[in-house]
Amino acid sequence: MLIMLNIPASTLAVCIGLFFVGFCLNIGWPAFTAYGMAVSDSKTYPIASSIINSGGNLGGFVAPMAAGFLLDKTGSFNSVFTYFGICAAIGLVVILFLDEPQ
């Protein structure tokens, strides 16, 4: 992220930075989709998968609006990054306290 905030003159550095940002953002997707399989059976998996997918899509719908609202009110990206950092910390706490199925 720091690389993307201060765009270097080197195209290779930008490409490498974007690759690692995309890699890190998507590294949790297999576990995210497999969790629905672990907590449901073959009959209820489509419902569990759709609920999980709807939650992710809801975040993708609300996040840009929240970022725009914060940016309009404060005029600074600091509040936007603070908000998303707090959301990430809350998500981490929720994940740490989830009961894993046996």
Protein backbone atom coordinates (compact mmCIF):
# COMPACT_ATOMS: atom_id res chain seq x y z
CA MET A 1 0.00 0.00 0.00
CA LEU A 2 2.85 2.35 0.80
CA ILE A 3 4.23 1.76 -2.70
CA MET A 4 0.90 2.72 -4.23
CA LEU A 5 0.63 5.93 -2.16
CA ASN A 6 4.03 7.10 -3.40
CA ILE A 7 4.01 5.88 -7.00
CA PRO A 8 7.60 5.21 -8.04
CA ALA A 9 8.91 6.17 -11.46
CA SER A 10 9.72 2.54 -12.25
CA THR A 11 6.97 0.65 -14.06
CA LEU A 12 8.40 -2.63 -12.79
CA ALA A 13 8.09 -1.48 -9.16
CA VAL A 14 4.46 -0.48 -9.74
CA CYS A 15 3.69 -3.85 -11.37
CA ILE A 16 5.34 -5.78 -8.55
CA GLY A 17 3.53 -3.68 -5.95
CA LEU A 18 0.17 -4.21 -7.63
CA PHE A 19 0.83 -7.95 -7.89
CA PHE A 20 1.52 -8.26 -4.17
CA VAL A 21 -1.46 -6.08 -3.24
CA GLY A 22 -3.74 -8.30 -5.34
CA PHE A 23 -2.13 -11.45 -3.95
CA CYS A 24 -2.56 -10.37 -0.34
CA LEU A 25 -6.12 -9.18 -0.89
CA ASN A 26 -7.18 -12.50 -2.43
CA ILE A 27 -5.15 -14.97 -0.38
CA GLY A 28 -8.05 -15.60 2.02
CA TRP A 29 -10.64 -16.39 -0.66
CA PRO A 30 -10.19 -20.22 -0.60
CA ALA A 31 -10.61 -20.35 3.17
CA PHE A 32 -13.53 -17.94 2.95
CA THR A 33 -15.40 -20.17 0.51
CA ALA A 34 -14.41 -23.42 2.22
CA TYR A 35 -15.80 -22.30 5.58
CA GLY A 36 -19.36 -22.66 4.28
CA MET A 37 -18.61 -26.26 3.31
CA ALA A 38 -17.25 -26.99 6.77
CA VAL A 39 -20.30 -25.72 8.65
CA SER A 40 -23.02 -27.13 6.39
CA ASP A 41 -24.01 -30.33 4.66
CA SER A 42 -24.70 -30.92 0.98
CA LYS A 43 -28.34 -29.88 1.36
CA THR A 44 -27.71 -26.55 3.09
CA TYR A 45 -24.39 -25.62 1.41
CA PRO A 46 -25.98 -23.55 -1.40
CA ILE A 47 -27.81 -21.45 1.19
CA ALA A 48 -24.69 -21.03 3.33
CA SER A 49 -22.63 -20.12 0.29
CA SER A 50 -25.16 -17.55 -0.86
CA ILE A 51 -25.30 -15.94 2.59
CA ILE A 52 -21.50 -15.72 2.73
CA ASN A 53 -21.37 -14.32 -0.81
CA SER A 54 -24.12 -11.80 -0.05
CA GLY A 55 -22.18 -10.56 2.97
CA GLY A 56 -19.09 -10.01 0.85
CA ASN A 57 -21.07 -8.24 -1.85
CA LEU A 58 -22.76 -6.05 0.74
CA GLY A 59 -19.35 -4.94 1.97
CA GLY A 60 -18.31 -4.15 -1.59
CA PHE A 61 -21.45 -2.05 -1.98
CA VAL A 62 -21.25 -0.15 1.32
CA ALA A 63 -17.48 0.44 1.55
CA PRO A 64 -17.14 2.91 -1.36
CA MET A 65 -20.11 4.90 -0.08
CA ALA A 66 -18.67 4.99 3.45
CA ALA A 67 -15.29 6.05 2.09
CA GLY A 68 -16.87 8.80 -0.01
CA PHE A 69 -18.95 10.02 2.92
CA LEU A 70 -15.92 10.18 5.22
CA LEU A 71 -13.85 11.88 2.55
CA ASP A 72 -16.56 14.49 1.94
CA LYS A 73 -16.98 15.21 5.66
CA THR A 74 -13.31 15.34 6.64
CA GLY A 75 -11.54 16.15 3.38
CA SER A 76 -8.76 13.73 4.28
CA PHE A 77 -8.00 10.12 3.49
CA ASN A 78 -6.74 9.64 7.06
CA SER A 79 -10.28 9.14 8.33
CA VAL A 80 -11.03 6.69 5.50
CA PHE A 81 -7.97 4.55 6.24
CA THR A 82 -8.66 4.75 9.99
CA TYR A 83 -12.23 3.57 9.40
CA PHE A 84 -11.14 0.63 7.27
CA GLY A 85 -8.39 -0.22 9.76
CA ILE A 86 -10.96 -0.34 12.55
CA CYS A 87 -13.22 -2.53 10.37
CA ALA A 88 -10.30 -4.88 9.71
CA ALA A 89 -9.50 -5.07 13.43
CA ILE A 90 -13.13 -5.87 14.25
CA GLY A 91 -13.10 -8.57 11.56
CA LEU A 92 -9.94 -10.04 13.04
CA VAL A 93 -11.48 -10.20 16.52
CA VAL A 94 -14.61 -11.86 15.13
CA ILE A 95 -12.54 -14.44 13.25
CA LEU A 96 -10.40 -15.19 16.30
CA PHE A 97 -13.47 -15.98 18.40
CA LEU A 98 -15.33 -18.12 15.84
CA ASP A 99 -15.80 -21.72 16.86
CA GLU A 100 -14.23 -24.01 14.31
CA PRO A 101 -16.31 -27.04 13.32
CA GLN A 102 -14.80 -30.39 14.21
